[in-house]
N, C-alpha and C. Protein backbone atom coordinates (compact mmCIF):
# COMPACT_ATOMS: atom_id res chain seq x y z
N MET A 1 56.71 140.68 36.76
CA MET A 1 57.31 140.91 37.98
C MET A 1 56.80 142.16 38.55
N PRO A 2 56.76 142.10 40.02
CA PRO A 2 56.51 143.17 40.68
C PRO A 2 57.63 144.02 40.32
N ALA A 3 56.86 145.01 41.16
CA ALA A 3 57.67 146.00 41.55
C ALA A 3 58.24 146.21 42.79
N GLU A 4 59.81 146.78 42.68
CA GLU A 4 60.44 146.80 43.94
C GLU A 4 60.12 147.51 45.01
N LYS A 5 59.49 147.38 46.37
CA LYS A 5 59.12 147.99 47.73
C LYS A 5 59.97 148.95 47.91
N LYS A 6 59.70 150.36 47.73
CA LYS A 6 60.36 151.51 48.17
C LYS A 6 59.72 152.21 49.83
N TYR A 7 61.11 152.56 50.58
CA TYR A 7 60.59 152.56 52.07
C TYR A 7 60.77 154.26 52.20
N THR A 8 60.13 154.82 53.24
CA THR A 8 60.81 156.00 53.83
C THR A 8 61.55 155.28 54.85
N TRP A 9 62.32 155.79 55.67
CA TRP A 9 62.90 155.35 56.51
C TRP A 9 62.59 156.51 57.73
N ARG A 10 62.13 155.98 58.84
CA ARG A 10 61.73 157.20 59.64
C ARG A 10 62.85 156.65 61.05
N LYS A 11 63.73 157.48 61.41
CA LYS A 11 64.45 156.97 63.14
C LYS A 11 63.45 157.06 64.09
N VAL A 12 63.45 155.72 64.63
CA VAL A 12 62.65 155.79 65.72
C VAL A 12 63.31 155.33 67.40
N ALA A 13 64.40 155.82 66.48
CA ALA A 13 65.03 155.96 68.91
C ALA A 13 66.11 155.50 67.97
N GLU A 14 67.51 156.44 69.20
CA GLU A 14 69.27 156.70 68.76
C GLU A 14 69.15 155.29 69.00
N GLY A 15 69.30 154.03 69.94
CA GLY A 15 69.28 152.87 69.94
C GLY A 15 68.52 151.77 70.46
N ALA A 16 68.58 150.68 70.61
CA ALA A 16 67.61 149.19 70.42
C ALA A 16 67.30 149.92 71.86
N ASP A 17 68.27 150.13 73.14
CA ASP A 17 67.51 150.26 74.55
C ASP A 17 66.88 151.23 74.88
N ASP A 18 66.91 152.30 73.88
CA ASP A 18 65.91 153.31 74.03
C ASP A 18 64.55 153.19 74.64
N PHE A 19 64.17 151.87 73.71
CA PHE A 19 62.03 151.29 73.66
C PHE A 19 62.25 150.53 75.08
N PHE A 20 60.71 150.90 75.56
CA PHE A 20 60.28 150.60 76.89
C PHE A 20 60.05 149.07 77.04
N TRP A 21 61.24 148.33 76.25
CA TRP A 21 60.83 146.89 76.55
C TRP A 21 60.07 146.19 77.93
N GLN A 22 59.25 145.91 77.44
CA GLN A 22 58.48 144.46 78.49
C GLN A 22 59.41 143.63 79.13
N GLU A 23 59.55 143.12 79.70
CA GLU A 23 59.44 141.61 80.42
C GLU A 23 59.97 140.73 79.06
N ASN A 24 58.37 140.48 78.09
CA ASN A 24 58.44 139.75 76.90
C ASN A 24 59.08 140.05 75.95
N GLN A 25 59.96 141.29 76.05
CA GLN A 25 60.88 141.84 75.01
C GLN A 25 59.54 142.55 73.74
N LEU A 26 59.19 142.72 74.29
CA LEU A 26 57.48 143.23 73.02
C LEU A 26 57.40 144.86 73.43
N CYS A 27 57.05 145.56 72.81
CA CYS A 27 56.58 147.04 72.84
C CYS A 27 55.84 147.56 72.18
N GLU A 28 55.22 148.61 72.04
CA GLU A 28 54.92 149.32 70.79
C GLU A 28 54.77 150.65 70.99
N ILE A 29 55.08 151.72 69.66
CA ILE A 29 55.54 152.14 69.62
C ILE A 29 54.78 153.01 68.47
N GLN A 30 54.38 154.50 68.39
CA GLN A 30 53.33 155.15 67.23
C GLN A 30 54.64 155.49 66.02
N VAL A 31 54.49 155.88 65.31
CA VAL A 31 55.14 156.23 63.91
C VAL A 31 54.14 156.81 62.90
N LYS A 32 54.38 157.89 62.62
CA LYS A 32 53.52 158.50 61.19
C LYS A 32 51.85 157.84 61.55
N GLY A 33 51.19 158.33 62.51
CA GLY A 33 49.90 158.03 62.65
C GLY A 33 49.83 156.31 63.20
N LYS A 34 50.76 155.36 62.88
CA LYS A 34 50.79 153.87 63.13
C LYS A 34 50.92 152.97 64.21
N THR A 35 50.13 152.22 64.52
CA THR A 35 51.00 152.04 65.77
C THR A 35 51.61 150.37 65.68
N ILE A 36 52.94 150.32 65.90
CA ILE A 36 53.55 149.14 65.69
C ILE A 36 54.28 148.41 66.83
N CYS A 37 53.77 147.07 66.57
CA CYS A 37 54.93 146.20 67.74
C CYS A 37 56.16 145.91 67.60
N LEU A 38 56.84 146.44 68.11
CA LEU A 38 58.31 145.96 67.98
C LEU A 38 58.59 144.72 68.70
N ALA A 39 59.79 143.96 68.16
CA ALA A 39 60.04 142.39 69.08
C ALA A 39 61.68 142.71 69.08
N ARG A 40 61.93 142.36 70.49
CA ARG A 40 63.50 142.12 70.51
C ARG A 40 64.15 140.61 70.68
N ARG A 41 64.70 140.37 69.90
CA ARG A 41 65.29 138.95 70.44
C ARG A 41 67.15 139.18 70.15
N GLY A 42 67.44 139.00 71.13
CA GLY A 42 69.19 139.14 70.94
C GLY A 42 69.48 140.15 70.66
N ASP A 43 70.73 140.68 69.57
CA ASP A 43 70.61 142.19 69.13
C ASP A 43 69.90 142.79 67.90
N GLU A 44 69.00 141.57 67.95
CA GLU A 44 68.07 142.25 66.20
C GLU A 44 66.86 142.42 66.80
N VAL A 45 66.30 143.69 65.97
CA VAL A 45 64.93 144.34 66.33
C VAL A 45 63.83 143.88 65.05
N PHE A 46 62.81 143.75 65.18
CA PHE A 46 61.61 143.46 64.45
C PHE A 46 60.18 144.21 64.50
N ALA A 47 59.88 144.62 63.67
CA ALA A 47 58.46 145.22 63.48
C ALA A 47 57.02 144.65 62.96
N CYS A 48 56.49 144.95 63.40
CA CYS A 48 55.10 144.07 63.03
C CYS A 48 53.75 145.29 63.11
N ALA A 49 52.45 144.63 62.54
CA ALA A 49 51.40 145.14 63.16
C ALA A 49 51.43 144.97 64.91
N HIS A 50 50.38 146.26 65.30
CA HIS A 50 50.28 145.88 66.83
C HIS A 50 49.17 144.73 66.78
N LYS A 51 48.25 144.49 65.92
CA LYS A 51 46.89 143.47 66.44
C LYS A 51 47.32 142.25 65.89
N CYS A 52 46.86 141.06 66.39
CA CYS A 52 46.95 139.81 65.34
C CYS A 52 45.73 139.88 64.43
N PRO A 53 46.08 139.20 63.37
CA PRO A 53 45.06 139.62 62.09
C PRO A 53 43.56 138.56 62.31
N HIS A 54 44.02 137.75 63.07
CA HIS A 54 42.97 136.57 63.84
C HIS A 54 41.43 137.04 64.38
N ALA A 55 41.87 137.46 65.93
CA ALA A 55 40.89 138.16 67.09
C ALA A 55 41.22 139.60 67.31
N GLY A 56 42.49 140.41 66.73
CA GLY A 56 42.98 141.64 67.12
C GLY A 56 43.60 141.36 68.65
N GLY A 57 44.16 140.46 68.88
CA GLY A 57 44.78 140.77 70.45
C GLY A 57 45.79 141.47 70.08
N HIS A 58 46.31 142.19 70.90
CA HIS A 58 47.42 143.45 71.14
C HIS A 58 49.01 142.52 71.36
N LEU A 59 49.42 142.20 70.16
CA LEU A 59 50.32 141.00 70.29
C LEU A 59 51.58 141.73 71.40
N ALA A 60 52.14 143.00 71.58
CA ALA A 60 52.59 143.59 73.16
C ALA A 60 52.45 142.64 74.02
N ASP A 61 50.94 142.66 74.31
CA ASP A 61 51.25 141.57 75.59
C ASP A 61 51.59 139.75 75.30
N GLY A 62 51.86 139.31 74.18
CA GLY A 62 52.30 138.39 74.38
C GLY A 62 53.68 138.08 74.28
N PHE A 63 54.40 137.28 73.66
CA PHE A 63 56.17 136.79 73.94
C PHE A 63 56.26 136.40 72.42
N VAL A 64 57.80 136.37 72.79
CA VAL A 64 58.53 135.53 71.42
C VAL A 64 59.11 134.42 72.06
N ASP A 65 58.62 133.20 71.22
CA ASP A 65 58.86 132.04 71.51
C ASP A 65 60.56 131.70 70.97
N ALA A 66 60.91 130.56 71.47
CA ALA A 66 61.72 130.22 71.42
C ALA A 66 62.73 130.08 70.12
N LEU A 67 61.76 130.21 69.17
CA LEU A 67 62.26 129.84 67.35
C LEU A 67 62.15 131.35 67.51
N GLY A 68 61.76 132.57 67.87
CA GLY A 68 61.68 133.47 67.09
C GLY A 68 60.24 133.92 66.44
N ASN A 69 59.31 133.56 66.99
CA ASN A 69 58.27 133.82 66.70
C ASN A 69 57.18 134.34 67.60
N ILE A 70 56.65 135.45 66.85
CA ILE A 70 55.67 136.32 67.79
C ILE A 70 54.54 135.38 67.95
N VAL A 71 54.31 135.52 69.85
CA VAL A 71 52.98 134.45 69.82
C VAL A 71 51.93 135.86 70.56
N CYS A 72 50.68 135.47 70.01
CA CYS A 72 49.44 136.57 70.47
C CYS A 72 49.25 135.80 71.23
N PRO A 73 49.07 136.51 72.10
CA PRO A 73 48.06 136.74 73.91
C PRO A 73 46.97 135.67 74.05
N LEU A 74 45.51 136.08 72.96
CA LEU A 74 44.97 135.68 72.98
C LEU A 74 44.53 133.71 72.44
N HIS A 75 44.82 133.33 71.50
CA HIS A 75 45.09 131.92 71.06
C HIS A 75 46.32 131.20 70.94
N ARG A 76 47.08 132.30 71.06
CA ARG A 76 48.58 131.53 71.02
C ARG A 76 48.65 131.51 69.53
N TYR A 77 48.43 132.04 68.58
CA TYR A 77 48.70 132.13 67.12
C TYR A 77 50.08 132.63 67.37
N LYS A 78 51.06 131.93 66.19
CA LYS A 78 52.57 132.27 66.14
C LYS A 78 52.68 132.64 64.71
N PHE A 79 53.45 133.87 64.72
CA PHE A 79 54.02 134.35 63.11
C PHE A 79 54.99 134.39 63.78
N SER A 80 56.15 134.16 62.20
CA SER A 80 57.46 134.53 61.97
C SER A 80 57.58 135.96 62.03
N LEU A 81 58.15 136.06 62.92
CA LEU A 81 59.11 137.90 62.69
C LEU A 81 59.81 138.43 61.54
N GLN A 82 60.32 137.49 60.91
CA GLN A 82 61.02 138.00 59.76
C GLN A 82 59.97 138.18 58.36
N ASN A 83 58.88 137.51 58.42
CA ASN A 83 58.07 137.51 56.92
C ASN A 83 56.73 137.67 57.25
N GLY A 84 56.49 137.65 58.72
CA GLY A 84 54.66 137.81 59.04
C GLY A 84 54.03 136.50 58.63
N ARG A 85 54.36 134.88 58.48
CA ARG A 85 53.81 133.99 57.62
C ARG A 85 53.72 133.54 59.36
N ASN A 86 52.08 132.89 59.16
CA ASN A 86 51.56 132.26 60.03
C ASN A 86 52.26 130.93 60.55
N VAL A 87 52.63 130.52 61.12
CA VAL A 87 53.77 129.35 61.37
C VAL A 87 53.17 128.04 62.44
N SER A 88 51.59 128.65 63.30
CA SER A 88 51.27 127.58 63.91
C SER A 88 49.66 126.94 63.09
N GLY A 89 49.82 127.25 61.75
CA GLY A 89 49.13 126.63 60.45
C GLY A 89 47.38 126.92 60.62
N GLU A 90 46.75 128.21 61.14
CA GLU A 90 45.42 128.91 60.77
C GLU A 90 45.73 129.63 59.04
N GLY A 91 46.63 129.82 58.82
CA GLY A 91 47.01 130.45 57.59
C GLY A 91 46.55 131.87 57.68
N TYR A 92 46.59 133.28 58.25
CA TYR A 92 46.91 134.08 58.79
C TYR A 92 48.08 134.55 58.21
N TYR A 93 48.11 135.98 58.03
CA TYR A 93 49.43 136.55 57.54
C TYR A 93 49.37 138.21 58.67
N LEU A 94 50.62 138.43 58.97
CA LEU A 94 50.71 139.44 60.21
C LEU A 94 51.65 140.50 59.02
N LYS A 95 51.22 141.85 59.24
CA LYS A 95 52.01 142.68 58.43
C LYS A 95 53.25 142.99 59.35
N THR A 96 54.62 142.78 58.45
CA THR A 96 55.75 143.20 59.30
C THR A 96 56.68 144.26 58.29
N TYR A 97 57.12 144.72 58.94
CA TYR A 97 58.21 146.41 58.85
C TYR A 97 59.58 146.03 58.59
N PRO A 98 60.44 146.28 57.54
CA PRO A 98 61.79 146.36 57.54
C PRO A 98 62.27 147.10 59.09
N VAL A 99 63.19 147.05 59.55
CA VAL A 99 64.53 147.91 60.69
C VAL A 99 65.58 147.41 60.36
N GLU A 100 66.32 148.78 60.47
CA GLU A 100 67.94 148.89 60.58
C GLU A 100 68.00 149.30 61.42
N VAL A 101 69.17 148.79 62.17
CA VAL A 101 69.76 148.95 63.44
C VAL A 101 70.99 149.81 63.07
N ARG A 102 71.12 151.06 62.15
CA ARG A 102 72.44 151.38 62.29
C ARG A 102 73.20 152.07 63.61
N ALA A 103 74.48 153.02 62.95
CA ALA A 103 75.63 153.69 63.64
C ALA A 103 74.80 154.58 64.76
N ASP A 104 73.90 155.26 63.82
CA ASP A 104 73.34 156.69 64.58
C ASP A 104 71.65 156.46 65.07
N GLY A 105 71.36 154.95 64.73
CA GLY A 105 69.92 155.16 65.73
C GLY A 105 69.37 153.91 65.00
N VAL A 106 67.71 153.37 65.12
CA VAL A 106 66.87 152.71 64.99
C VAL A 106 66.19 153.42 63.98
N TYR A 107 66.11 152.74 62.72
CA TYR A 107 65.13 153.46 61.72
C TYR A 107 63.78 152.21 61.41
N LEU A 108 62.87 152.47 61.00
CA LEU A 108 61.97 151.69 60.55
C LEU A 108 61.25 152.49 59.15
N GLY A 109 61.13 151.02 58.16
CA GLY A 109 60.91 151.17 56.52
C GLY A 109 59.34 151.44 56.63
N LEU A 110 58.89 152.26 55.96
CA LEU A 110 57.29 152.58 55.72
C LEU A 110 57.18 152.73 54.47
N GLU A 111 56.55 152.06 53.72
CA GLU A 111 56.05 151.85 52.33
C GLU A 111 55.55 152.96 51.72
N GLU A 112 56.61 153.57 50.65
CA GLU A 112 55.98 153.97 49.76
C GLU A 112 54.84 154.01 48.98
N GLY A 113 54.31 155.23 48.35
CA GLY A 113 53.12 155.06 47.30
C GLY A 113 51.92 153.87 47.73
N GLY A 114 51.89 152.55 47.27
CA GLY A 114 50.53 152.11 47.03
C GLY A 114 49.51 152.44 46.85
N LEU A 115 47.79 152.24 46.86
CA LEU A 115 47.05 152.60 46.35
C LEU A 115 46.82 153.99 46.57
N PHE A 116 47.15 154.26 48.07
CA PHE A 116 46.71 155.58 48.57
C PHE A 116 47.81 156.69 48.53
N GLY A 117 49.14 156.53 47.95
CA GLY A 117 50.24 157.01 48.46
C GLY A 117 50.27 158.43 47.62
N PHE A 118 49.03 158.94 46.23
CA PHE A 118 48.81 160.29 46.21
C PHE A 118 48.30 160.77 47.09
N PHE A 119 47.88 160.71 48.34
CA PHE A 119 47.63 161.20 49.24
C PHE A 119 48.19 161.99 50.40
N LYS A 120 49.94 161.70 50.41
CA LYS A 120 50.38 162.03 51.43
C LYS A 120 51.14 163.95 50.76
C-alpha cells in the first residue's frame, strides 16, 4: 500500500483575483524555486507543471477547454487539471499540485520527502 502523500502548504496569494490572469485564465508563478502554471475555471484554481511533458510548450500560453482540460499551445495535447492524465490519447502525464482556496488566501501543496527530501 503506497504511503499517503504529505504536503507543505505555501500561501501564494490573498485571493484568486491576486494572480495576473491572462485572457485564457492561465498564469505562471514561482513557488520555492519551481515554476508552476495556474489555471482558473469558474471559482476553482488548479496547479500543474508549467511545461508540457511532450515538447516543453509553456502551458500558460495554451488554454482551458470547455471540459476543463488544459491544452498545450504547441500540439494541442490535452491534460486533465484534476489528475494530470493525458485525455487526447498520447499517453503523457502532467504533474499536478493540490490547491486550496481558504478564507485567508490561496495555498499550493508541495510534496514533502521523496528521494531527495533529506536535502531540505
